[in-house]
Amino acid sequence: MKFRPLRSAPHPASGTAEVAAPPETMRAVVFDAPGGPEALHEATLPVPAPVMSELLVRVVAAGTNPIDAKTRGGRGVFGAIDRHPSTLGFDFSGVVVSSPHEAHPLPPGTEVFGMVPFPRSGGSYAEYVVVPSLSVARKPAALSHVEAAGVPLAALTAWGLVVETAHAHEGQRVLIHAGSGGVGHFAVQLAAYFGAHVTATGSDRNLPWLRELGAAVVIDYATTRFEDVVGEVDVVIDLVGNAHDDTGSRSLSVLRRGGLYIMVPTGAWPGYAEAADAAGVRATSYKVVPDGGVLSTLARLLDSGAVQVYVDRVFDLTEAAEAHAELERGHSRGKIVLRVGDA
């Protein structure tokens, strides 16, 4: 049997190009101490150096997530940050600058998207990031870098909730709170894709859009108590918790006995496990896994149009404070993204 020799040339669909050597310093947005959005400011930092299996990636766009704002305010993963000033951000889309070795499947010039291991490394609100090669995937060809940057954390979380934890399947009844948010709009699409009967809560302006995403039943949380109109469900994916109107506690009443309650926002309902046990239902929290293999699957779904990402607002990197202010208002549809560099 003949074996084809290894070669470092990119896959034909990789979207590769000539890559310039990185500079010694880069622009980044950092914060020096916990505070409001105004704590974010621009700084010049050294370009990070990759080691072992890490990639160095030039960031074109960075996604924002609620965990970013929580961390900036002293909650979230703030306790794991070991030095200041610190960048923020998990999500990015960009171009590989250097790979671990010549035969690596993601050679320089490859367009990729993924999650950085913040706060163990610098965040994605910067022109360059180092990232484990197993936490990235080739950028979906159908998406711009801005669109792709809105995918990783939210879509991976939704996949973990819907596919790996709820095991969505034909005929399953799933209630998703905050269905029009970053994680929510992916969760609605994935649950519907795998055959579940989806009920989603959201604001009045987003109800028609939630139907387009695949929700069979939509509920305006401002005018209707969901427990008054929702029949018994198998799974509740709660992206609100008791941070608003005791949504978590009320959700237990619509679950069938032995059903599954999934609590997502960190700290939004510390007593959910005990309450669920008393109600005769199962409960778990969930933390995202930055799995490049799953990202590759999501990329195929995005390229096919089976799943879509919605970017609500785009800010320049220097406008990160304004992006965080918008993020904390909590009424965005889909994702808010920072434009960092040129494609």
Protein backbone atom coordinates (compact mmCIF):
# COMPACT_ATOMS: atom_id res chain seq x y z
CA MET A 1 0.00 0.00 0.00
CA LYS A 2 1.31 3.47 -0.86
CA PHE A 3 1.03 6.25 1.68
CA ARG A 4 0.75 9.85 0.61
CA PRO A 5 3.52 11.97 2.16
CA LEU A 6 2.70 14.58 4.77
CA ARG A 7 2.73 18.10 3.42
CA SER A 8 2.23 21.51 4.96
CA ALA A 9 0.13 22.89 2.13
CA PRO A 10 -3.34 23.98 3.29
CA HIS A 11 -6.61 22.26 2.57
CA PRO A 12 -8.11 23.80 -0.60
CA ALA A 13 -11.02 25.26 1.39
CA SER A 14 -8.96 26.63 4.24
CA GLY A 15 -9.01 30.28 3.23
CA THR A 16 -5.24 30.69 3.63
CA ALA A 17 -3.08 33.60 2.57
CA GLU A 18 0.40 34.97 3.00
CA VAL A 19 1.00 35.91 6.63
CA ALA A 20 3.28 38.70 7.81
CA ALA A 21 5.48 38.20 10.86
CA PRO A 22 3.81 39.58 13.99
CA PRO A 23 5.01 42.83 15.55
CA GLU A 24 6.49 42.96 19.05
CA THR A 25 3.52 44.85 20.52
CA MET A 26 -0.22 44.99 19.94
CA ARG A 27 -3.29 47.03 20.75
CA ALA A 28 -5.56 45.61 23.42
CA VAL A 29 -8.41 46.68 25.69
CA VAL A 30 -7.72 46.05 29.37
CA PHE A 31 -9.01 46.83 32.84
CA ASP A 32 -6.95 47.50 35.96
CA ALA A 33 -9.53 46.83 38.68
CA PRO A 34 -13.19 45.81 38.96
CA GLY A 35 -15.61 48.47 37.81
CA GLY A 36 -18.23 49.52 35.31
CA PRO A 37 -17.79 49.66 31.54
CA GLU A 38 -15.68 52.78 31.97
CA ALA A 39 -12.98 50.59 33.57
CA LEU A 40 -12.07 49.34 30.09
CA HIS A 41 -9.34 51.27 28.31
CA GLU A 42 -6.88 50.80 25.46
CA ALA A 43 -3.29 49.70 26.12
CA THR A 44 -0.21 48.47 24.32
CA LEU A 45 0.88 44.94 25.29
CA PRO A 46 3.55 42.50 24.08
CA VAL A 47 2.37 40.06 21.44
CA PRO A 48 2.03 36.68 23.23
CA ALA A 49 4.35 33.82 22.30
CA PRO A 50 2.82 30.37 21.60
CA VAL A 51 4.29 27.25 23.19
CA MET A 52 3.86 23.51 22.55
CA SER A 53 0.61 22.92 20.62
CA GLU A 54 -0.62 26.52 20.74
CA LEU A 55 -1.41 28.65 17.71
CA LEU A 56 -0.70 32.35 17.40
CA VAL A 57 -3.73 33.98 15.78
CA ARG A 58 -4.20 37.52 14.49
CA VAL A 59 -7.65 38.54 15.70
CA VAL A 60 -10.02 40.12 13.18
CA ALA A 61 -13.08 40.17 15.45
CA ALA A 62 -13.85 39.28 19.08
CA GLY A 63 -17.21 38.21 20.47
CA THR A 64 -18.55 39.57 23.74
CA ASN A 65 -20.49 37.56 26.31
CA PRO A 66 -22.24 38.26 29.64
CA ILE A 67 -19.40 36.50 31.45
CA ASP A 68 -17.06 39.24 30.17
CA ALA A 69 -19.11 41.96 31.86
CA LYS A 70 -19.47 39.93 35.06
CA THR A 71 -15.69 39.42 35.18
CA ARG A 72 -14.99 43.11 34.55
CA GLY A 73 -17.29 43.88 37.47
CA GLY A 74 -15.43 41.56 39.86
CA ARG A 75 -17.56 38.45 39.47
CA GLY A 76 -17.50 35.75 36.79
CA VAL A 77 -13.95 34.41 36.50
CA PHE A 78 -12.36 37.49 38.06
CA GLY A 79 -10.91 35.47 40.94
CA ALA A 80 -8.73 33.47 38.53
CA ILE A 81 -7.04 36.52 37.01
CA ASP A 82 -3.53 36.59 38.41
CA ARG A 83 -2.31 39.97 37.15
CA HIS A 84 -3.53 43.38 36.06
CA PRO A 85 -3.98 45.08 33.71
CA SER A 86 -5.91 42.20 32.17
CA THR A 87 -7.63 41.75 28.86
CA LEU A 88 -11.07 40.15 28.59
CA GLY A 89 -12.80 37.96 26.05
CA PHE A 90 -13.13 34.30 25.07
CA ASP A 91 -14.37 34.41 21.48
CA PHE A 92 -12.38 35.29 18.37
CA SER A 93 -12.22 34.86 14.63
CA GLY A 94 -8.97 35.51 12.82
CA VAL A 95 -6.01 34.21 10.86
CA VAL A 96 -3.33 31.76 12.02
CA VAL A 97 0.09 33.44 12.19
CA SER A 98 2.14 30.51 13.45
CA SER A 99 1.44 26.79 13.93
CA PRO A 100 3.16 24.22 16.17
CA HIS A 101 4.84 22.40 13.25
CA GLU A 102 5.02 22.36 9.47
CA ALA A 103 2.53 19.52 8.97
CA HIS A 104 -0.08 20.97 11.31
CA PRO A 105 -3.62 20.86 9.86
CA LEU A 106 -4.08 24.59 10.60
CA PRO A 107 -1.09 26.17 8.86
CA PRO A 108 -0.31 29.92 8.81
CA GLY A 109 -2.88 31.79 6.79
CA THR A 110 -5.80 29.56 7.82
CA GLU A 111 -8.93 31.42 8.85
CA VAL A 112 -10.08 30.05 12.19
CA PHE A 113 -12.52 30.74 15.00
CA GLY A 114 -12.59 29.51 18.56
CA MET A 115 -12.11 30.21 22.25
CA VAL A 116 -9.00 31.33 24.12
CA PRO A 117 -8.39 29.82 27.59
CA PHE A 118 -8.99 33.13 29.38
CA PRO A 119 -8.11 33.87 32.18
CA ARG A 120 -5.28 31.30 32.01
CA SER A 121 -4.04 33.33 29.04
CA GLY A 122 -4.79 36.76 27.65
CA GLY A 123 -8.30 37.43 26.39
CA SER A 124 -9.47 38.10 22.85
CA TYR A 125 -9.94 41.87 23.18
CA ALA A 126 -6.54 42.18 21.53
CA GLU A 127 -4.90 42.07 18.11
CA TYR A 128 -3.20 38.70 18.78
CA VAL A 129 -4.02 35.66 20.92
CA VAL A 130 -2.41 32.33 21.71
CA VAL A 131 -4.84 29.44 21.79
CA PRO A 132 -4.66 25.63 22.12
CA SER A 133 -5.04 24.12 18.67
CA LEU A 134 -7.77 21.77 19.98
CA SER A 135 -9.95 24.78 20.88
CA VAL A 136 -10.29 26.14 17.35
CA ALA A 137 -11.71 25.13 13.99
CA ARG A 138 -11.67 26.44 10.45
CA LYS A 139 -13.93 29.46 10.11
CA PRO A 140 -17.19 28.69 8.30
CA ALA A 141 -16.70 29.85 4.73
CA ALA A 142 -20.19 31.33 4.59
CA LEU A 143 -19.54 33.65 7.55
CA SER A 144 -17.56 36.85 7.83
CA HIS A 145 -15.05 37.15 10.67
CA VAL A 146 -17.48 39.41 12.53
CA GLU A 147 -20.23 36.80 12.28
CA ALA A 148 -17.89 33.93 13.16
CA ALA A 149 -16.64 35.76 16.27
CA GLY A 150 -20.19 35.70 17.62
CA VAL A 151 -20.37 31.92 17.51
CA PRO A 152 -17.91 29.99 19.72
CA LEU A 153 -18.85 30.38 23.40
CA ALA A 154 -22.58 30.81 22.79
CA ALA A 155 -22.94 28.02 20.24
CA LEU A 156 -20.71 25.60 22.16
CA THR A 157 -22.76 26.31 25.29
CA ALA A 158 -25.99 25.73 23.38
CA TRP A 159 -24.62 22.48 21.94
CA GLY A 160 -23.63 21.29 25.41
CA LEU A 161 -27.05 22.15 26.80
CA VAL A 162 -29.19 20.79 23.98
CA VAL A 163 -27.20 17.87 22.58
CA GLU A 164 -24.89 16.64 25.34
CA THR A 165 -27.02 17.34 28.43
CA ALA A 166 -30.68 17.38 27.33
CA HIS A 167 -30.09 14.82 24.52
CA ALA A 168 -32.64 16.57 22.33
CA HIS A 169 -34.70 14.22 20.20
CA GLU A 170 -37.91 13.89 18.23
CA GLY A 171 -40.97 14.68 20.32
CA GLN A 172 -39.09 15.92 23.40
CA ARG A 173 -40.68 19.01 24.97
CA VAL A 174 -38.14 21.73 25.76
CA LEU A 175 -38.70 25.14 27.34
CA ILE A 176 -35.92 27.69 26.69
CA HIS A 177 -35.87 30.95 28.62
CA ALA A 178 -34.31 34.03 26.97
CA GLY A 179 -34.44 32.36 23.59
CA SER A 180 -33.38 35.45 21.66
CA GLY A 181 -30.08 36.00 23.47
CA GLY A 182 -26.62 34.84 22.46
CA VAL A 183 -26.87 31.30 23.80
CA GLY A 184 -30.64 31.19 23.50
CA HIS A 185 -30.90 31.76 19.76
CA PHE A 186 -28.49 28.88 19.13
CA ALA A 187 -30.27 26.64 21.66
CA VAL A 188 -33.65 27.20 19.98
CA GLN A 189 -32.23 26.32 16.57
CA LEU A 190 -30.35 23.24 17.74
CA ALA A 191 -33.26 21.85 19.76
CA ALA A 192 -35.58 22.28 16.78
CA TYR A 193 -32.98 20.79 14.42
CA PHE A 194 -32.85 17.62 16.49
CA GLY A 195 -36.63 17.30 16.50
CA ALA A 196 -37.65 18.71 19.89
CA HIS A 197 -40.88 20.65 20.38
CA VAL A 198 -39.51 24.04 21.49
CA THR A 199 -41.23 26.65 23.62
CA ALA A 200 -39.22 29.87 24.00
CA THR A 201 -39.71 32.97 26.11
CA GLY A 202 -38.61 36.40 24.93
CA SER A 203 -39.69 39.99 24.48
CA ASP A 204 -42.61 40.92 22.26
CA ARG A 205 -40.40 42.26 19.45
CA ASN A 206 -38.50 38.97 19.24
CA LEU A 207 -41.44 36.56 19.14
CA PRO A 208 -41.78 36.41 15.32
CA TRP A 209 -38.00 35.89 15.05
CA LEU A 210 -38.09 33.05 17.59
CA ARG A 211 -40.68 31.32 15.43
CA GLU A 212 -38.36 31.69 12.43
CA LEU A 213 -35.58 30.08 14.47
CA GLY A 214 -37.76 27.02 15.06
CA ALA A 215 -39.74 27.63 18.25
CA ALA A 216 -43.20 26.03 18.03
CA VAL A 217 -44.56 28.15 20.90
CA VAL A 218 -43.37 31.64 21.86
CA ILE A 219 -44.26 33.55 25.03
CA ASP A 220 -43.86 37.24 25.84
CA TYR A 221 -42.37 37.11 29.34
CA ALA A 222 -43.50 40.68 30.05
CA THR A 223 -47.22 40.01 29.57
CA THR A 224 -47.70 36.28 30.16
CA ARG A 225 -46.76 33.97 33.03
CA PHE A 226 -45.27 31.06 31.14
CA GLU A 227 -46.51 28.54 33.72
CA ASP A 228 -50.09 29.57 32.91
CA VAL A 229 -49.83 28.52 29.27
CA VAL A 230 -47.05 25.90 29.08
CA GLY A 231 -48.05 22.30 29.49
CA GLU A 232 -45.77 19.73 31.06
CA VAL A 233 -42.25 19.75 29.59
CA ASP A 234 -39.32 17.33 29.70
CA VAL A 235 -36.49 19.86 29.91
CA VAL A 236 -36.07 23.49 30.95
CA ILE A 237 -32.98 25.33 29.69
CA ASP A 238 -32.88 28.35 31.98
CA LEU A 239 -30.76 31.25 30.77
CA VAL A 240 -32.29 33.63 33.35
CA GLY A 241 -32.48 31.92 36.75
CA ASN A 242 -33.96 33.74 39.70
CA ALA A 243 -32.21 36.96 38.73
CA HIS A 244 -35.50 38.06 37.15
CA ASP A 245 -38.99 37.42 38.50
CA ASP A 246 -38.11 34.02 40.06
CA THR A 247 -37.99 32.47 36.59
CA GLY A 248 -36.01 29.50 37.89
CA SER A 249 -38.34 28.64 40.75
CA ARG A 250 -41.39 28.96 38.55
CA SER A 251 -39.82 26.69 35.93
CA LEU A 252 -39.85 23.71 38.27
CA SER A 253 -43.65 23.71 38.27
CA VAL A 254 -43.88 22.95 34.54
CA LEU A 255 -41.41 20.06 34.52
CA ARG A 256 -42.72 16.52 34.50
CA ARG A 257 -41.64 14.38 37.42
CA GLY A 258 -38.09 13.26 36.73
CA GLY A 259 -37.66 15.99 34.11
CA LEU A 260 -34.45 17.96 33.76
CA TYR A 261 -33.79 21.55 34.84
CA ILE A 262 -30.55 23.09 33.48
CA MET A 263 -29.30 26.21 35.26
CA VAL A 264 -26.93 28.27 33.10
CA PRO A 265 -26.09 31.80 34.39
CA THR A 266 -23.41 31.74 37.07
CA GLY A 267 -24.78 32.76 40.46
CA ALA A 268 -28.32 33.44 39.21
CA TRP A 269 -29.91 30.93 41.61
CA PRO A 270 -27.60 29.34 44.19
CA GLY A 271 -30.33 27.10 45.64
CA TYR A 272 -31.56 25.52 42.40
CA ALA A 273 -30.32 21.99 43.16
CA GLU A 274 -32.10 21.71 46.51
CA ALA A 275 -35.30 23.21 45.09
CA ALA A 276 -35.27 20.82 42.14
CA ASP A 277 -34.75 17.81 44.41
CA ALA A 278 -37.70 18.88 46.55
CA ALA A 279 -39.83 19.20 43.40
CA GLY A 280 -38.94 15.70 42.22
CA VAL A 281 -36.95 16.76 39.16
CA ARG A 282 -33.32 16.44 38.14
CA ALA A 283 -31.07 19.50 37.95
CA THR A 284 -27.63 20.45 36.77
CA SER A 285 -25.59 23.52 35.96
CA TYR A 286 -23.45 23.71 32.83
CA LYS A 287 -20.04 25.13 31.88
CA VAL A 288 -18.91 25.49 28.29
CA VAL A 289 -16.25 23.17 26.85
CA PRO A 290 -14.01 24.79 24.17
CA ASP A 291 -14.03 21.76 21.89
CA GLY A 292 -12.67 22.33 18.38
CA GLY A 293 -14.30 19.13 17.14
CA VAL A 294 -17.74 20.37 18.09
CA LEU A 295 -16.89 23.76 16.56
CA SER A 296 -16.15 21.96 13.28
CA THR A 297 -19.59 20.34 13.42
CA LEU A 298 -21.18 23.71 14.15
CA ALA A 299 -19.22 25.22 11.25
CA ARG A 300 -20.79 22.67 8.89
CA LEU A 301 -24.26 23.49 10.21
CA LEU A 302 -23.56 27.21 9.77
CA ASP A 303 -22.22 26.72 6.23
CA SER A 304 -25.29 24.68 5.29
CA GLY A 305 -27.69 27.28 6.70
CA ALA A 306 -29.21 24.80 9.14
CA VAL A 307 -28.01 27.07 11.96
CA GLN A 308 -27.50 30.83 11.77
CA VAL A 309 -25.78 33.42 13.93
CA TYR A 310 -27.35 36.82 14.46
CA VAL A 311 -25.07 39.78 15.22
CA ASP A 312 -27.05 42.64 16.74
CA ARG A 313 -24.35 45.31 17.10
CA VAL A 314 -20.73 45.73 16.01
CA PHE A 315 -18.34 48.04 17.85
CA ASP A 316 -14.71 48.84 17.18
CA LEU A 317 -12.19 47.52 19.72
CA THR A 318 -11.73 51.04 21.08
CA GLU A 319 -15.48 51.13 21.78
CA ALA A 320 -15.39 48.12 24.12
CA ALA A 321 -16.83 50.20 26.98
CA GLU A 322 -19.87 51.09 24.86
CA ALA A 323 -20.21 47.43 23.84
CA HIS A 324 -20.23 46.38 27.52
CA ALA A 325 -22.83 49.02 28.37
CA GLU A 326 -25.05 47.62 25.61
CA LEU A 327 -24.32 44.07 26.75
CA GLU A 328 -25.42 44.86 30.30
CA ARG A 329 -28.72 46.37 29.16
CA GLY A 330 -29.65 42.77 28.41
CA HIS A 331 -31.98 43.36 25.48
CA SER A 332 -29.72 42.51 22.54
CA ARG A 333 -30.88 40.06 19.93
CA GLY A 334 -28.16 37.50 19.34
CA LYS A 335 -24.59 38.74 19.71
CA ILE A 336 -22.50 41.89 20.18
CA VAL A 337 -19.11 41.77 18.46
CA LEU A 338 -15.92 43.87 18.54
CA ARG A 339 -14.16 44.61 15.25
CA VAL A 340 -10.43 44.30 16.01
CA GLY A 341 -8.50 44.21 12.74
CA ASP A 342 -8.77 43.92 8.98
CA ALA A 343 -9.82 40.71 7.29
